[in-house]
Protein backbone atom coordinates (compact mmCIF):
# COMPACT_ATOMS: atom_id res chain seq x y z
CA UNK A 1 172.51 -128.33 92.96
CA UNK A 2 168.79 -128.10 92.14
CA UNK A 3 167.91 -130.19 89.10
CA UNK A 4 170.78 -132.65 89.58
CA UNK A 5 170.04 -136.35 89.28
CA UNK A 6 172.09 -138.19 91.91
CA UNK A 7 172.69 -141.94 91.65
CA UNK A 8 175.10 -143.79 93.92
CA UNK A 9 175.81 -147.32 95.04
CA UNK A 10 175.87 -145.89 98.57
CA UNK A 11 172.08 -145.65 98.34
CA UNK A 12 171.56 -149.42 98.27
CA UNK A 13 172.70 -152.48 100.20
CA UNK A 14 176.11 -153.96 99.39
CA UNK A 15 174.65 -156.99 97.60
CA UNK A 16 172.71 -154.72 95.21
CA UNK A 17 175.53 -152.35 94.31
CA UNK A 18 176.94 -154.21 91.30
CA UNK A 19 173.47 -154.52 89.75
CA UNK A 20 172.72 -150.84 90.34
CA UNK A 21 175.95 -149.67 88.73
CA UNK A 22 175.38 -151.92 85.73
CA UNK A 23 171.90 -150.42 85.40
CA UNK A 24 173.31 -146.88 85.68
CA UNK A 25 175.91 -147.47 82.97
CA UNK A 26 173.69 -149.70 80.81
CA UNK A 27 172.86 -147.09 78.13
CA UNK A 28 176.57 -146.54 77.49
CA UNK A 29 178.30 -149.84 78.24
CA UNK A 30 178.25 -153.05 80.23
CA UNK A 31 180.24 -152.71 83.47
CA UNK A 32 182.11 -155.90 84.42
CA UNK A 33 184.66 -156.77 87.13
CA UNK A 34 188.32 -157.40 86.36
CA UNK A 35 188.92 -161.17 85.94
CA UNK A 36 191.49 -161.18 88.75
CA UNK A 37 189.30 -159.39 91.31
CA UNK A 38 189.03 -161.85 94.20
CA UNK A 39 186.39 -159.80 95.96
CA UNK A 40 184.00 -158.08 93.59
CA UNK A 41 183.38 -154.70 95.16
CA UNK A 42 181.46 -152.08 93.22
CA UNK A 43 181.39 -148.41 94.07
CA UNK A 44 179.99 -145.77 91.78
CA UNK A 45 178.42 -142.34 91.85
CA UNK A 46 176.87 -140.43 88.96
CA UNK A 47 175.58 -136.85 89.03
CA UNK A 48 173.71 -135.93 85.84
CA UNK A 49 173.23 -132.20 85.37
CA UNK A 50 170.86 -131.22 82.53
CA UNK A 51 171.62 -127.67 81.36
CA UNK A 52 169.15 -126.65 78.65
CA UNK A 53 169.78 -129.07 75.79
CA UNK A 54 173.22 -129.92 77.18
CA UNK A 55 174.07 -133.26 78.75
CA UNK A 56 176.76 -133.07 81.43
CA UNK A 57 177.58 -135.68 84.05
CA UNK A 58 180.21 -136.32 86.70
CA UNK A 59 180.99 -139.91 87.65
CA UNK A 60 183.28 -141.61 90.15
CA UNK A 61 183.78 -145.37 90.32
CA UNK A 62 185.87 -148.37 91.34
CA UNK A 63 187.91 -150.16 88.68
CA UNK A 64 185.91 -151.94 86.01
CA UNK A 65 185.99 -153.26 82.47
CA UNK A 66 183.54 -151.34 80.29
CA UNK A 67 182.25 -152.89 77.06
CA UNK A 68 180.05 -151.26 74.44
CA UNK A 69 179.21 -153.93 71.89
CA UNK A 70 176.88 -153.91 68.90
CA UNK A 71 173.95 -155.02 71.04
CA UNK A 72 174.35 -152.03 73.36
CA UNK A 73 174.81 -149.65 70.41
CA UNK A 74 171.55 -150.81 68.83
CA UNK A 75 169.52 -151.13 72.02
CA UNK A 76 170.36 -147.62 73.22
CA UNK A 77 170.01 -145.91 69.84
CA UNK A 78 172.41 -143.19 71.06
CA UNK A 79 173.66 -141.27 68.05
CA UNK A 80 175.93 -138.66 69.61
CA UNK A 81 179.50 -138.18 70.76
CA UNK A 82 180.65 -138.53 74.34
CA UNK A 83 183.53 -136.25 75.34
CA UNK A 84 185.16 -137.41 78.59
CA UNK A 85 187.68 -135.51 80.68
CA UNK A 86 189.79 -137.95 82.69
CA UNK A 87 189.57 -136.14 86.03
CA UNK A 88 191.00 -139.16 87.83
CA UNK A 89 192.37 -142.60 86.99
CA UNK A 90 193.53 -144.00 83.67
CA UNK A 91 192.12 -146.12 80.87
CA UNK A 92 193.42 -148.50 78.23
CA UNK A 93 191.27 -150.04 75.58
CA UNK A 94 190.23 -150.96 72.09
CA UNK A 95 188.10 -148.38 70.29
CA UNK A 96 186.69 -150.44 67.42
CA UNK A 97 190.17 -151.63 66.44
CA UNK A 98 192.14 -148.59 67.65
CA UNK A 99 194.32 -149.21 70.73
CA UNK A 100 194.37 -146.27 73.13
CA UNK A 101 196.00 -145.36 76.43
CA UNK A 102 194.50 -142.40 78.28
CA UNK A 103 196.04 -140.65 81.29
CA UNK A 104 194.60 -138.37 83.97
CA UNK A 105 193.99 -134.96 82.43
CA UNK A 106 193.53 -136.27 78.88
CA UNK A 107 190.25 -135.87 76.98
CA UNK A 108 188.86 -138.73 74.88
CA UNK A 109 186.17 -138.62 72.18
CA UNK A 110 183.79 -141.58 71.94
CA UNK A 111 181.43 -142.14 69.02
CA UNK A 112 178.43 -143.88 70.58
CA UNK A 113 177.51 -145.53 67.28
CA UNK A 114 180.76 -147.53 67.50
CA UNK A 115 182.04 -150.21 69.85
CA UNK A 116 184.79 -150.23 72.45
CA UNK A 117 186.23 -152.35 75.25
CA UNK A 118 188.09 -150.48 77.99
CA UNK A 119 189.87 -151.29 81.22
CA UNK A 120 189.45 -148.41 83.66
CA UNK A 121 191.26 -147.99 86.96
CA UNK A 122 189.38 -146.48 89.89
CA UNK A 123 188.81 -142.86 88.96
CA UNK A 124 186.41 -140.16 87.86
CA UNK A 125 185.16 -138.47 84.68
CA UNK A 126 183.43 -135.30 83.56
CA UNK A 127 181.32 -136.24 80.54
CA UNK A 128 179.77 -133.99 77.91
CA UNK A 129 177.29 -135.24 75.28
CA UNK A 130 177.48 -133.63 71.83
CA UNK A 131 174.93 -134.15 69.03
CA UNK A 132 176.45 -135.86 66.01
CA UNK A 133 175.44 -133.43 63.27
CA UNK A 134 177.35 -130.24 64.23
CA UNK A 135 180.56 -132.04 65.13
CA UNK A 136 180.53 -134.39 62.14
CA UNK A 137 179.77 -131.52 59.76
CA UNK A 138 182.59 -129.37 61.15
CA UNK A 139 185.06 -132.27 60.93
CA UNK A 140 184.01 -133.30 57.40
CA UNK A 141 182.86 -136.71 58.58
CA UNK A 142 186.23 -137.84 59.93
CA UNK A 143 186.25 -140.80 62.29
CA UNK A 144 186.78 -139.31 65.77
CA UNK A 145 186.26 -142.50 67.78
CA UNK A 146 189.07 -142.93 70.31
CA UNK A 147 190.70 -139.61 69.50
CA UNK A 148 192.65 -138.15 72.43
CA UNK A 149 193.43 -134.54 73.36
CA UNK A 150 196.57 -134.83 75.47
CA UNK A 151 196.71 -133.08 78.85
CA UNK A 152 199.89 -131.15 78.04
CA UNK A 153 198.36 -129.42 75.02
CA UNK A 154 197.26 -125.83 75.71
CA UNK A 155 193.99 -126.37 73.85
CA UNK A 156 193.18 -129.35 76.10
CA UNK A 157 193.59 -127.16 79.17
CA UNK A 158 191.28 -124.59 77.56
CA UNK A 159 188.55 -127.15 76.84
CA UNK A 160 188.88 -128.66 80.32
CA UNK A 161 188.61 -125.28 82.01
CA UNK A 162 185.54 -124.33 80.00
CA UNK A 163 183.65 -127.60 80.63
CA UNK A 164 184.51 -127.58 84.34
CA UNK A 165 183.22 -124.03 84.59
CA UNK A 166 180.06 -124.89 82.68
CA UNK A 167 179.40 -127.82 85.00
CA UNK A 168 179.89 -125.69 88.12
CA UNK A 169 177.53 -122.84 87.11
CA UNK A 170 175.18 -124.65 84.74
CA UNK A 171 172.23 -124.75 87.12
CA UNK A 172 172.25 -120.96 87.30
CA UNK A 173 171.87 -120.42 83.54
CA UNK A 174 168.65 -119.58 81.74
CA UNK A 175 167.62 -121.93 78.90
CA UNK A 176 168.79 -119.36 76.34
CA UNK A 177 172.14 -118.94 78.09
CA UNK A 178 172.52 -122.72 78.41
CA UNK A 179 171.97 -123.24 74.68
CA UNK A 180 174.46 -120.48 73.88
CA UNK A 181 177.10 -122.06 76.11
CA UNK A 182 176.41 -125.42 74.45
CA UNK A 183 177.15 -123.93 71.03
CA UNK A 184 180.30 -122.32 72.41
CA UNK A 185 181.45 -125.64 73.86
CA UNK A 186 180.97 -127.42 70.52
CA UNK A 187 182.84 -124.62 68.73
CA UNK A 188 185.71 -124.88 71.21
CA UNK A 189 185.95 -128.67 70.86
CA UNK A 190 185.90 -128.42 67.07
CA UNK A 191 188.74 -125.89 67.23
CA UNK A 192 190.70 -128.29 69.44
CA UNK A 193 190.15 -131.18 67.05
CA UNK A 194 191.37 -129.12 64.10
CA UNK A 195 194.76 -128.43 65.69
CA UNK A 196 197.79 -129.29 63.54
CA UNK A 197 198.66 -132.06 65.97
CA UNK A 198 195.65 -134.00 64.65
CA UNK A 199 196.35 -133.54 60.95
CA UNK A 200 197.23 -137.21 60.62
CA UNK A 201 193.49 -137.89 60.68
CA UNK A 202 193.04 -136.06 57.41
CA UNK A 203 193.85 -139.02 55.16
CA UNK A 204 190.50 -138.82 53.39
CA UNK A 205 189.58 -135.99 51.06
CA UNK A 206 186.43 -133.97 51.63
CA UNK A 207 184.96 -135.30 48.36
CA UNK A 208 185.60 -138.90 49.38
CA UNK A 209 183.99 -138.34 52.77
CA UNK A 210 180.99 -136.63 51.17
CA UNK A 211 180.49 -139.58 48.79
CA UNK A 212 180.78 -142.01 51.68
CA UNK A 213 178.10 -140.16 53.67
CA UNK A 214 175.74 -140.05 50.69
CA UNK A 215 176.13 -143.78 50.06
CA UNK A 216 175.62 -144.65 53.73
CA UNK A 217 172.45 -142.56 53.85
CA UNK A 218 171.20 -144.29 50.69
CA UNK A 219 171.90 -147.73 52.19
CA UNK A 220 170.06 -146.86 55.41
CA UNK A 221 167.01 -145.73 53.44
CA UNK A 222 166.94 -148.79 51.16
CA UNK A 223 167.88 -151.80 53.28
CA UNK A 224 164.68 -153.55 52.23
CA UNK A 225 165.55 -153.42 48.53
CA UNK A 226 166.33 -156.97 47.34
CA UNK A 227 168.60 -155.57 44.61
CA UNK A 228 170.73 -153.50 47.01
CA UNK A 229 174.29 -154.65 46.31
CA UNK A 230 177.73 -153.23 45.45
CA UNK A 231 176.78 -153.38 41.76
CA UNK A 232 173.53 -151.52 42.41
CA UNK A 233 175.41 -148.78 44.29
CA UNK A 234 177.99 -148.50 41.49
CA UNK A 235 175.15 -147.90 39.03
CA UNK A 236 173.21 -145.55 41.31
CA UNK A 237 176.16 -143.26 42.12
CA UNK A 238 177.97 -143.52 38.76
CA UNK A 239 181.30 -144.55 40.30
CA UNK A 240 183.67 -147.32 39.35
CA UNK A 241 183.73 -150.51 41.38
CA UNK A 242 187.36 -149.88 42.40
CA UNK A 243 186.52 -146.34 43.57
CA UNK A 244 183.61 -147.66 45.63
CA UNK A 245 185.84 -150.23 47.31
CA UNK A 246 188.53 -147.64 48.06
CA UNK A 247 185.91 -145.39 49.65
CA UNK A 248 184.96 -148.14 52.11
CA UNK A 249 188.36 -149.81 52.49
CA UNK A 250 188.68 -148.71 56.13
CA UNK A 251 185.30 -150.35 56.86
CA UNK A 252 186.36 -153.71 55.47
CA UNK A 253 184.75 -153.15 52.07
CA UNK A 254 181.30 -152.19 50.82
CA UNK A 255 180.01 -155.78 51.03
CA UNK A 256 180.80 -155.88 54.75
CA UNK A 257 179.08 -152.52 55.26
CA UNK A 258 175.93 -153.83 53.58
CA UNK A 259 175.96 -157.07 55.57
CA UNK A 260 176.56 -155.33 58.91
CA UNK A 261 173.80 -152.78 58.33
CA UNK A 262 171.36 -155.54 57.39
CA UNK A 263 172.29 -157.49 60.51
CA UNK A 264 171.83 -154.40 62.66
CA UNK A 265 168.41 -153.80 61.11
CA UNK A 266 167.44 -157.42 61.75
CA UNK A 267 168.54 -157.10 65.38
CA UNK A 268 166.43 -153.97 65.88
CA UNK A 269 163.41 -155.67 64.28
CA UNK A 270 163.80 -158.76 66.46
CA UNK A 271 164.14 -156.82 69.72
CA UNK A 272 161.50 -154.12 69.19
CA UNK A 273 158.93 -154.27 71.95
CA UNK A 274 156.12 -153.47 69.51
CA UNK A 275 157.45 -155.62 66.69
CA UNK A 276 154.91 -157.41 64.52
CA UNK A 277 155.05 -161.17 64.81
CA UNK A 278 157.24 -161.73 61.76
CA UNK A 279 158.99 -165.06 61.62
CA UNK A 280 162.77 -165.17 61.59
CA UNK A 281 162.59 -166.46 58.02
CA UNK A 282 160.50 -163.44 57.00
CA UNK A 283 162.98 -161.09 58.67
CA UNK A 284 165.81 -162.88 56.86
CA UNK A 285 164.25 -162.24 53.46
CA UNK A 286 163.23 -158.69 54.37
CA UNK A 287 166.85 -157.71 54.96
CA UNK A 288 168.44 -159.46 52.02
CA UNK A 289 169.48 -162.84 53.43
CA UNK A 290 168.84 -165.89 51.28
CA UNK A 291 167.66 -168.04 54.20
CA UNK A 292 167.24 -168.09 57.96
CA UNK A 293 170.37 -170.26 58.20
CA UNK A 294 172.44 -167.60 56.43
CA UNK A 295 171.08 -164.99 58.86
CA UNK A 296 171.77 -167.30 61.80
CA UNK A 297 175.47 -167.73 60.99
CA UNK A 298 176.10 -164.04 60.34
CA UNK A 299 173.97 -162.93 63.30
CA UNK A 300 175.81 -165.16 65.75
CA UNK A 301 179.18 -163.92 64.49
CA UNK A 302 178.18 -160.27 64.96
CA UNK A 303 176.18 -160.39 68.20
CA UNK A 304 177.29 -163.56 69.98
CA UNK A 305 173.73 -164.88 70.07
CA UNK A 306 171.15 -166.37 67.72
CA UNK A 307 168.15 -164.48 66.29
CA UNK A 308 165.87 -166.58 68.52
CA UNK A 309 167.84 -165.60 71.62
CA UNK A 310 167.69 -161.94 70.61
CA UNK A 311 163.91 -162.16 70.24
CA UNK A 312 163.57 -163.75 73.68
CA UNK A 313 165.87 -161.19 75.29
CA UNK A 314 164.18 -158.07 73.92
CA UNK A 315 166.25 -155.77 76.11
CA UNK A 316 164.66 -152.37 75.62
CA UNK A 317 166.10 -149.35 77.38
CA UNK A 318 163.49 -147.01 78.78
CA UNK A 319 162.13 -143.62 77.73
CA UNK A 320 162.96 -142.45 74.21
CA UNK A 321 162.86 -138.97 72.70
CA UNK A 322 160.92 -137.86 69.63
CA UNK A 323 163.51 -139.42 67.30
CA UNK A 324 163.17 -142.78 69.05
CA UNK A 325 166.58 -142.51 70.67
CA UNK A 326 167.19 -143.00 74.35
CA UNK A 327 166.72 -139.88 76.47
CA UNK A 328 169.51 -140.18 79.05
CA UNK A 329 168.12 -137.53 81.40
CA UNK A 330 164.76 -139.33 81.58
CA UNK A 331 166.51 -142.68 81.94
CA UNK A 332 168.53 -141.48 84.94
CA UNK A 333 165.54 -139.71 86.49
CA UNK A 334 163.53 -142.94 86.26
CA UNK A 335 166.37 -144.95 87.77
CA UNK A 336 166.69 -142.49 90.65
CA UNK A 337 162.93 -142.69 91.28
CA UNK A 338 163.14 -146.48 91.30
CA UNK A 339 165.94 -146.40 93.88
CA UNK A 340 163.90 -144.12 96.14
CA UNK A 341 160.77 -146.24 95.73
CA UNK A 342 162.55 -149.49 96.55
CA UNK A 343 164.29 -147.90 99.52
């Protein structure tokens, strides 16, 4: 269909196929072979279909292990949800501590600000990218990462039918029609997620979730404050220390949240292509660490590498949008152009 971006390992020589598929999946995850694969054979096809502001893609691939770690999360800057229909094959994995098993016909929700490690059999997916704000607002900030809509549920069949239909006719829609269908798709998915079958996710009250979101926004805006601490947050939001800890109990506690966000900010600073030449010690102090050695220990534990190695690596994914986040359509268009140019 006109406007499609077609990427396939069939377009390159056999010895380049694994590298091409890793490059194609790089914004989302690192694609690795199964440990017991005697012959590492990689086959993959991706068809990205931009429809107005909608991101839809069909993919087909050989079996792989897919890992989205903190480095990938921060390097891509993707801040949306990925809704995947399992059109073929199955998947088992760890969604940031949640074990999942997904069958053909199921739909899985992935929060691209969180990590996962999945083992996927040979199969195919229809993927739909949803901006964070409308879905998170409708779901009162609930954690949707790894949530599954089972294939036997009527609402799952409804969502699947709608997204398949949208993918098949999307190229024929005007921009206004495309945006309207995008809103309808989000509304339909929200309705599916609010089914009684998912009520077990409602353990947190709306007020608790609202407080959590306000505190997280405050932390993000004030990471450079030397005095930013659990005690400072208690004073700023007029809550008790015990209430603050209960609010972030599922995250491992407020101290862990602060440390992880500071580490993430340090990683971004170290790997920015246009970063000023700040020393690692200066970056340590900027983000609330008492010394470069303290940053080193925590950084290695979170990212599996040292700050110096991160600075040397400086893996920057390509074209970004106005918010500084990766533009997937532009990324895939550039990759396709590179394939054609290299022959």
